[in-house]
Protein backbone atom coordinates (compact mmCIF):
# COMPACT_ATOMS: atom_id res chain seq x y z
CA MET A 1 -8.75 -3.25 56.41
CA LYS A 2 -10.43 -3.73 53.05
CA ASP A 3 -13.48 -1.57 52.33
CA LYS A 4 -16.73 -3.47 52.09
CA PRO A 5 -18.27 -3.27 48.61
CA THR A 6 -21.84 -2.42 47.71
CA ALA A 7 -23.67 -4.11 44.85
CA PHE A 8 -22.52 -1.40 42.45
CA ASP A 9 -18.87 -2.04 43.35
CA ASP A 10 -19.11 -5.83 43.10
CA ARG A 11 -17.42 -6.80 39.83
CA GLU A 12 -18.59 -10.38 40.13
CA LEU A 13 -22.32 -9.75 40.72
CA SER A 14 -23.13 -6.18 39.67
CA ASP A 15 -24.07 -6.91 36.05
CA TRP A 16 -26.14 -9.95 37.02
CA LEU A 17 -28.07 -7.95 39.62
CA MET A 18 -28.71 -5.09 37.20
CA ASN A 19 -29.92 -7.55 34.55
CA LEU A 20 -32.36 -9.10 37.01
CA ILE A 21 -33.77 -5.67 37.85
CA ALA A 22 -33.97 -4.66 34.20
CA ASP A 23 -35.92 -7.85 33.47
CA GLY A 24 -38.91 -6.27 35.20
CA SER A 25 -40.22 -9.55 36.60
CA GLN A 26 -41.79 -9.54 40.01
CA ASP A 27 -40.18 -12.84 40.96
CA PHE A 28 -37.99 -13.67 43.93
CA LEU A 29 -34.63 -13.12 42.22
CA SER A 30 -35.62 -9.72 40.84
CA SER A 31 -36.85 -8.65 44.26
CA LEU A 32 -33.66 -9.90 45.88
CA ALA A 33 -31.61 -7.96 43.32
CA GLU A 34 -33.48 -4.78 44.23
CA VAL A 35 -32.76 -5.40 47.91
CA ALA A 36 -29.09 -5.98 47.11
CA VAL A 37 -28.63 -2.71 45.23
CA THR A 38 -30.32 -0.70 47.97
CA ALA A 39 -28.33 -2.31 50.79
CA ASP A 40 -25.50 -0.43 52.40
CA ALA A 41 -22.04 -2.03 52.38
CA GLU A 42 -22.47 -3.70 55.77
CA ASP A 43 -25.79 -5.33 54.85
CA TYR A 44 -24.61 -6.22 51.35
CA CYS A 45 -21.71 -8.22 52.81
CA VAL A 46 -24.25 -10.27 54.78
CA ILE A 47 -26.42 -11.16 51.77
CA ARG A 48 -23.62 -11.50 49.20
CA PRO A 49 -22.89 -15.21 49.86
CA ALA A 50 -26.53 -16.03 49.17
CA LEU A 51 -26.43 -13.97 45.97
CA VAL A 52 -23.38 -15.90 44.77
CA GLU A 53 -25.22 -19.17 45.35
CA PHE A 54 -28.39 -17.98 43.62
CA ARG A 55 -26.39 -16.80 40.62
CA ARG A 56 -24.70 -20.20 40.43
CA ARG A 57 -28.09 -21.94 40.48
CA TYR A 58 -30.03 -19.60 38.22
CA CYS A 59 -27.46 -18.03 35.91
CA ASP A 60 -29.03 -19.64 32.83
CA ARG A 61 -32.41 -18.13 33.70
CA ALA A 62 -30.91 -14.65 33.69
CA ARG A 63 -29.11 -15.23 30.39
CA LYS A 64 -32.21 -16.52 28.65
CA ARG A 65 -34.74 -13.97 29.89
CA VAL A 66 -32.75 -10.78 30.18
CA ALA A 67 -31.37 -8.68 27.38
CA ALA A 68 -28.07 -6.96 28.06
CA VAL A 69 -28.48 -3.88 30.19
CA ASP A 70 -27.23 -0.56 28.89
CA PHE A 71 -24.61 0.52 31.42
CA SER A 72 -26.09 4.03 31.48
CA GLN A 73 -29.07 2.45 33.28
CA ARG A 74 -26.82 1.60 36.21
CA GLU A 75 -25.92 5.25 36.77
CA SER A 76 -29.50 6.45 36.32
CA PHE A 77 -30.66 3.80 38.81
CA ARG A 78 -27.99 4.92 41.28
CA LEU A 79 -29.09 8.55 40.88
CA LYS A 80 -32.74 7.56 41.34
CA LEU A 81 -31.88 5.73 44.55
CA GLY A 82 -29.95 8.72 45.84
CA ALA A 83 -32.90 11.02 45.16
CA GLN A 84 -35.18 8.67 47.06
CA GLY A 85 -32.75 8.25 49.93
CA GLY A 86 -32.46 4.56 49.08
CA GLN A 87 -28.84 4.11 50.08
CA LYS A 88 -27.41 4.69 53.50
CA GLN A 89 -24.33 6.85 53.56
C-alpha cells in the first residue's frame, strides 16, 4: 500500500502551499494552506482534492502576488511546527 503524503511531501502542491503562506495574507487560500501543512497524512488526503481545484482556479493569483519562497523557509517552518506540536506523528 502506498504511503499517504503530507503537504511537505506533495510534489504537485507543496511549493504552491508554501508560497501562499509566505504571502502573509489573511485570506481564505492562505488560511487553507496553513491548515494543509499542519494536517497529518490522513487528513491531508481528505483535503487534497479541494486544494488541487483551488490551485487550478487561483494559480494566477499566487503567481502575481507571491514572490518565490526560499526553500530554506520550508525546513524552518517544518521545525517550527514540530516545536509547537503542530503535526501529528
